[in-house]
Amino acid sequence: MLEGQLAGRQWIVGDRFTVADLNIAEVLRYAQSEEALFDAHPNIKAWIERCQSRPAYKRMQGDAWQGADRGLSYRNSASVPAISSRIQALKSLTFFGSRVPSAVTK
């Protein structure tokens, strides 16, 4: 579904990065350890690489790692329910035309 949407285009909606890209890229970030899944869907792989190459994304990742170096957690405890709900959402995603492997959602 998402693979087809990205065929011949840079971003999900229109010709620029939008909140749709931001939202879906963040959810799919949790599945990136499943390299074979992304390798089988080159449009999604190229798109998420574009999203993550944006300067704001790089700054966010840099800030997260700097906090970890100081002993701070990447996410504060208030966001644990948000992460849990994202994992639940991943269990039912069919962006790739098949369910996300259970290894991603454990």
N, C-alpha and C. Protein backbone atom coordinates (compact mmCIF):
# COMPACT_ATOMS: atom_id res chain seq x y z
N MET A 1 0.82 -1.18 0.00
CA MET A 1 0.00 0.00 0.00
C MET A 1 0.87 1.26 0.00
N LEU A 2 1.74 1.42 0.99
CA LEU A 2 2.64 2.57 1.04
C LEU A 2 3.67 2.48 -0.08
N GLU A 3 4.13 1.29 -0.37
CA GLU A 3 5.09 1.09 -1.46
C GLU A 3 4.53 1.65 -2.77
N GLY A 4 3.28 1.34 -3.07
CA GLY A 4 2.64 1.85 -4.28
C GLY A 4 2.43 3.35 -4.24
N GLN A 5 2.06 3.88 -3.09
CA GLN A 5 1.84 5.32 -2.93
C GLN A 5 3.12 6.10 -3.23
N LEU A 6 4.26 5.51 -2.88
CA LEU A 6 5.54 6.20 -3.06
C LEU A 6 6.16 5.98 -4.43
N ALA A 7 5.56 5.15 -5.24
CA ALA A 7 6.10 4.89 -6.59
C ALA A 7 6.11 6.20 -7.38
N GLY A 8 7.28 6.62 -7.81
CA GLY A 8 7.40 7.81 -8.62
C GLY A 8 7.25 9.12 -7.88
N ARG A 9 7.29 9.09 -6.56
CA ARG A 9 7.18 10.34 -5.81
C ARG A 9 8.15 10.34 -4.64
N GLN A 10 8.47 11.52 -4.18
CA GLN A 10 9.43 11.69 -3.08
C GLN A 10 8.76 11.60 -1.70
N TRP A 11 7.53 12.07 -1.61
CA TRP A 11 6.84 12.18 -0.32
C TRP A 11 5.45 11.57 -0.41
N ILE A 12 4.83 11.30 0.71
CA ILE A 12 3.53 10.62 0.74
C ILE A 12 2.41 11.48 0.15
N VAL A 13 2.38 12.76 0.53
CA VAL A 13 1.31 13.65 0.07
C VAL A 13 1.94 14.82 -0.68
N GLY A 14 1.59 15.00 -1.91
CA GLY A 14 2.08 16.15 -2.67
C GLY A 14 3.56 16.05 -2.98
N ASP A 15 4.17 17.22 -3.15
CA ASP A 15 5.56 17.25 -3.58
C ASP A 15 6.49 17.82 -2.51
N ARG A 16 6.05 17.74 -1.25
CA ARG A 16 6.91 18.22 -0.16
C ARG A 16 6.70 17.38 1.09
N PHE A 17 7.64 17.45 1.99
CA PHE A 17 7.58 16.77 3.27
C PHE A 17 6.44 17.37 4.08
N THR A 18 5.57 16.49 4.62
CA THR A 18 4.42 16.95 5.41
C THR A 18 4.33 16.16 6.71
N VAL A 19 3.34 16.48 7.50
CA VAL A 19 3.12 15.78 8.76
C VAL A 19 2.82 14.29 8.50
N ALA A 20 2.29 13.97 7.34
CA ALA A 20 2.05 12.55 7.01
C ALA A 20 3.37 11.79 6.96
N ASP A 21 4.38 12.38 6.33
CA ASP A 21 5.70 11.75 6.28
C ASP A 21 6.30 11.64 7.68
N LEU A 22 6.19 12.71 8.44
CA LEU A 22 6.73 12.75 9.79
C LEU A 22 6.14 11.64 10.65
N ASN A 23 4.83 11.54 10.64
CA ASN A 23 4.12 10.57 11.47
C ASN A 23 4.44 9.13 11.08
N ILE A 24 4.34 8.82 9.80
CA ILE A 24 4.54 7.44 9.36
C ILE A 24 6.01 7.05 9.48
N ALA A 25 6.92 7.97 9.18
CA ALA A 25 8.34 7.66 9.31
C ALA A 25 8.70 7.33 10.76
N GLU A 26 8.12 8.04 11.69
CA GLU A 26 8.41 7.77 13.10
C GLU A 26 7.89 6.39 13.51
N VAL A 27 6.72 6.02 13.06
CA VAL A 27 6.18 4.70 13.38
C VAL A 27 7.04 3.61 12.75
N LEU A 28 7.39 3.79 11.47
CA LEU A 28 8.17 2.76 10.78
C LEU A 28 9.62 2.68 11.26
N ARG A 29 10.10 3.72 11.93
CA ARG A 29 11.45 3.69 12.49
C ARG A 29 11.63 2.48 13.41
N TYR A 30 10.58 2.11 14.11
CA TYR A 30 10.66 0.98 15.02
C TYR A 30 10.82 -0.35 14.30
N ALA A 31 10.52 -0.39 13.02
CA ALA A 31 10.64 -1.62 12.23
C ALA A 31 11.94 -1.68 11.43
N GLN A 32 12.76 -0.67 11.50
CA GLN A 32 13.94 -0.61 10.64
C GLN A 32 14.97 -1.71 10.91
N SER A 33 14.90 -2.37 12.02
CA SER A 33 15.82 -3.49 12.26
C SER A 33 15.50 -4.68 11.36
N GLU A 34 14.33 -4.69 10.77
CA GLU A 34 13.92 -5.74 9.83
C GLU A 34 14.38 -5.36 8.42
N GLU A 35 15.68 -5.43 8.18
CA GLU A 35 16.26 -4.95 6.92
C GLU A 35 15.65 -5.62 5.69
N ALA A 36 15.39 -6.92 5.77
CA ALA A 36 14.84 -7.64 4.61
C ALA A 36 13.48 -7.07 4.20
N LEU A 37 12.71 -6.63 5.16
CA LEU A 37 11.40 -6.04 4.88
C LEU A 37 11.57 -4.75 4.07
N PHE A 38 12.50 -3.92 4.45
CA PHE A 38 12.74 -2.68 3.73
C PHE A 38 13.43 -2.94 2.39
N ASP A 39 14.33 -3.93 2.35
CA ASP A 39 14.98 -4.28 1.08
C ASP A 39 13.97 -4.75 0.04
N ALA A 40 12.91 -5.40 0.50
CA ALA A 40 11.87 -5.89 -0.40
C ALA A 40 10.93 -4.78 -0.88
N HIS A 41 11.05 -3.60 -0.29
CA HIS A 41 10.18 -2.47 -0.63
C HIS A 41 11.06 -1.23 -0.84
N PRO A 42 11.69 -1.14 -2.02
CA PRO A 42 12.68 -0.08 -2.26
C PRO A 42 12.12 1.34 -2.19
N ASN A 43 10.86 1.55 -2.54
CA ASN A 43 10.29 2.89 -2.45
C ASN A 43 10.19 3.35 -1.00
N ILE A 44 9.78 2.45 -0.12
CA ILE A 44 9.68 2.78 1.31
C ILE A 44 11.08 3.00 1.87
N LYS A 45 12.01 2.15 1.51
CA LYS A 45 13.38 2.28 2.01
C LYS A 45 13.98 3.63 1.61
N ALA A 46 13.84 4.00 0.34
CA ALA A 46 14.38 5.28 -0.13
C ALA A 46 13.67 6.46 0.55
N TRP A 47 12.36 6.34 0.71
CA TRP A 47 11.59 7.41 1.35
C TRP A 47 12.00 7.62 2.80
N ILE A 48 12.14 6.53 3.58
CA ILE A 48 12.50 6.70 4.99
C ILE A 48 13.92 7.24 5.12
N GLU A 49 14.79 6.87 4.18
CA GLU A 49 16.14 7.44 4.18
C GLU A 49 16.08 8.94 3.90
N ARG A 50 15.20 9.37 3.00
CA ARG A 50 15.02 10.81 2.75
C ARG A 50 14.51 11.52 4.01
N CYS A 51 13.53 10.91 4.65
CA CYS A 51 12.99 11.52 5.88
C CYS A 51 14.07 11.67 6.94
N GLN A 52 14.87 10.64 7.10
CA GLN A 52 15.88 10.64 8.15
C GLN A 52 17.14 11.41 7.78
N SER A 53 17.24 11.86 6.54
CA SER A 53 18.40 12.66 6.15
C SER A 53 18.12 14.15 6.33
N ARG A 54 16.91 14.50 6.71
CA ARG A 54 16.56 15.90 6.91
C ARG A 54 17.33 16.47 8.11
N PRO A 55 17.77 17.72 8.02
CA PRO A 55 18.55 18.32 9.12
C PRO A 55 17.86 18.26 10.48
N ALA A 56 16.56 18.49 10.52
CA ALA A 56 15.84 18.46 11.81
C ALA A 56 15.87 17.06 12.41
N TYR A 57 15.76 16.04 11.59
CA TYR A 57 15.83 14.67 12.10
C TYR A 57 17.21 14.39 12.68
N LYS A 58 18.24 14.80 11.96
CA LYS A 58 19.61 14.58 12.44
C LYS A 58 19.85 15.32 13.75
N ARG A 59 19.32 16.53 13.87
CA ARG A 59 19.46 17.27 15.13
C ARG A 59 18.75 16.55 16.27
N MET A 60 17.54 16.06 15.99
CA MET A 60 16.78 15.34 17.02
C MET A 60 17.55 14.12 17.48
N GLN A 61 18.10 13.36 16.55
CA GLN A 61 18.86 12.16 16.91
C GLN A 61 20.10 12.55 17.70
N GLY A 62 20.78 13.62 17.30
CA GLY A 62 21.96 14.09 18.02
C GLY A 62 21.62 14.49 19.45
N ASP A 63 20.51 15.21 19.63
CA ASP A 63 20.07 15.61 20.96
C ASP A 63 19.75 14.39 21.82
N ALA A 64 19.15 13.39 21.22
CA ALA A 64 18.79 12.18 21.96
C ALA A 64 20.04 11.47 22.46
N TRP A 65 21.05 11.36 21.59
CA TRP A 65 22.28 10.67 22.00
C TRP A 65 23.06 11.48 23.01
N GLN A 66 23.05 12.81 22.90
CA GLN A 66 23.74 13.63 23.89
C GLN A 66 23.10 13.46 25.26
N GLY A 67 21.77 13.37 25.29
CA GLY A 67 21.09 13.13 26.55
C GLY A 67 21.45 11.78 27.14
N ALA A 68 21.58 10.78 26.27
CA ALA A 68 21.96 9.44 26.74
C ALA A 68 23.37 9.47 27.32
N ASP A 69 24.26 10.26 26.72
CA ASP A 69 25.62 10.39 27.24
C ASP A 69 25.64 10.98 28.64
N ARG A 70 24.64 11.80 28.96
CA ARG A 70 24.55 12.42 30.28
C ARG A 70 23.73 11.58 31.25
N GLY A 71 23.36 10.38 30.83
CA GLY A 71 22.59 9.51 31.71
C GLY A 71 21.10 9.76 31.66
N LEU A 72 20.66 10.58 30.71
CA LEU A 72 19.23 10.85 30.58
C LEU A 72 18.61 9.84 29.63
N SER A 73 17.37 9.51 29.85
CA SER A 73 16.71 8.57 28.94
C SER A 73 16.30 9.31 27.67
N TYR A 74 16.24 8.58 26.57
CA TYR A 74 15.84 9.15 25.29
C TYR A 74 14.42 9.68 25.37
N ARG A 75 13.56 8.92 25.97
CA ARG A 75 12.16 9.32 26.14
C ARG A 75 11.88 9.40 27.64
N ASN A 76 11.16 10.39 28.04
CA ASN A 76 10.84 10.46 29.46
C ASN A 76 9.73 9.46 29.79
N SER A 77 9.52 9.22 31.06
CA SER A 77 8.57 8.19 31.47
C SER A 77 7.14 8.50 31.02
N ALA A 78 6.83 9.77 30.79
CA ALA A 78 5.48 10.13 30.36
C ALA A 78 5.17 9.61 28.97
N SER A 79 6.22 9.31 28.19
CA SER A 79 5.97 8.86 26.82
C SER A 79 5.88 7.35 26.70
N VAL A 80 6.10 6.62 27.78
CA VAL A 80 6.02 5.16 27.72
C VAL A 80 4.67 4.68 27.19
N PRO A 81 3.54 5.23 27.65
CA PRO A 81 2.26 4.81 27.06
C PRO A 81 2.19 5.09 25.56
N ALA A 82 2.78 6.20 25.11
CA ALA A 82 2.76 6.52 23.68
C ALA A 82 3.53 5.47 22.89
N ILE A 83 4.68 5.06 23.39
CA ILE A 83 5.47 4.04 22.71
C ILE A 83 4.71 2.73 22.70
N SER A 84 4.09 2.38 23.80
CA SER A 84 3.32 1.15 23.88
C SER A 84 2.18 1.16 22.86
N SER A 85 1.51 2.29 22.72
CA SER A 85 0.41 2.34 21.76
C SER A 85 0.93 2.27 20.32
N ARG A 86 2.13 2.80 20.06
CA ARG A 86 2.72 2.69 18.73
C ARG A 86 3.05 1.24 18.41
N ILE A 87 3.55 0.53 19.40
CA ILE A 87 3.87 -0.89 19.18
C ILE A 87 2.58 -1.65 18.88
N GLN A 88 1.51 -1.34 19.59
CA GLN A 88 0.24 -1.99 19.31
C GLN A 88 -0.23 -1.67 17.90
N ALA A 89 -0.03 -0.43 17.47
CA ALA A 89 -0.41 -0.06 16.11
C ALA A 89 0.43 -0.80 15.08
N LEU A 90 1.70 -0.99 15.37
CA LEU A 90 2.57 -1.73 14.45
C LEU A 90 2.06 -3.14 14.20
N LYS A 91 1.48 -3.74 15.22
CA LYS A 91 1.02 -5.12 15.09
C LYS A 91 -0.04 -5.26 14.00
N SER A 92 -0.75 -4.19 13.71
CA SER A 92 -1.81 -4.29 12.72
C SER A 92 -1.50 -3.57 11.41
N LEU A 93 -0.29 -3.02 11.27
CA LEU A 93 0.06 -2.31 10.04
C LEU A 93 0.15 -3.25 8.85
N THR A 94 -0.30 -2.76 7.73
CA THR A 94 -0.16 -3.51 6.49
C THR A 94 0.42 -2.62 5.40
N PHE A 95 1.27 -1.66 5.78
CA PHE A 95 1.89 -0.76 4.81
C PHE A 95 2.66 -1.54 3.75
N PHE A 96 3.23 -2.65 4.13
CA PHE A 96 4.07 -3.41 3.22
C PHE A 96 3.28 -4.47 2.47
N GLY A 97 2.00 -4.56 2.68
CA GLY A 97 1.20 -5.59 2.03
C GLY A 97 1.16 -6.87 2.85
N SER A 98 1.85 -6.89 3.96
CA SER A 98 1.81 -8.03 4.88
C SER A 98 1.99 -7.48 6.29
N ARG A 99 1.64 -8.26 7.24
CA ARG A 99 1.76 -7.79 8.62
C ARG A 99 3.22 -7.63 9.00
N VAL A 100 3.48 -6.69 9.91
CA VAL A 100 4.83 -6.49 10.41
C VAL A 100 5.22 -7.74 11.20
N PRO A 101 6.44 -8.25 10.99
CA PRO A 101 6.85 -9.47 11.70
C PRO A 101 6.74 -9.29 13.22
N SER A 102 6.38 -10.37 13.90
CA SER A 102 6.19 -10.28 15.34
C SER A 102 7.47 -9.90 16.06
N ALA A 103 8.63 -10.19 15.49
CA ALA A 103 9.90 -9.83 16.13
C ALA A 103 10.01 -8.31 16.31
N VAL A 104 9.35 -7.55 15.44
CA VAL A 104 9.41 -6.09 15.51
C VAL A 104 8.55 -5.57 16.65
N THR A 105 7.50 -6.28 16.99
CA THR A 105 6.54 -5.77 17.97
C THR A 105 6.70 -6.40 19.34
N LYS A 106 7.75 -7.13 19.57
CA LYS A 106 7.98 -7.72 20.91
C LYS A 106 8.87 -6.86 21.74
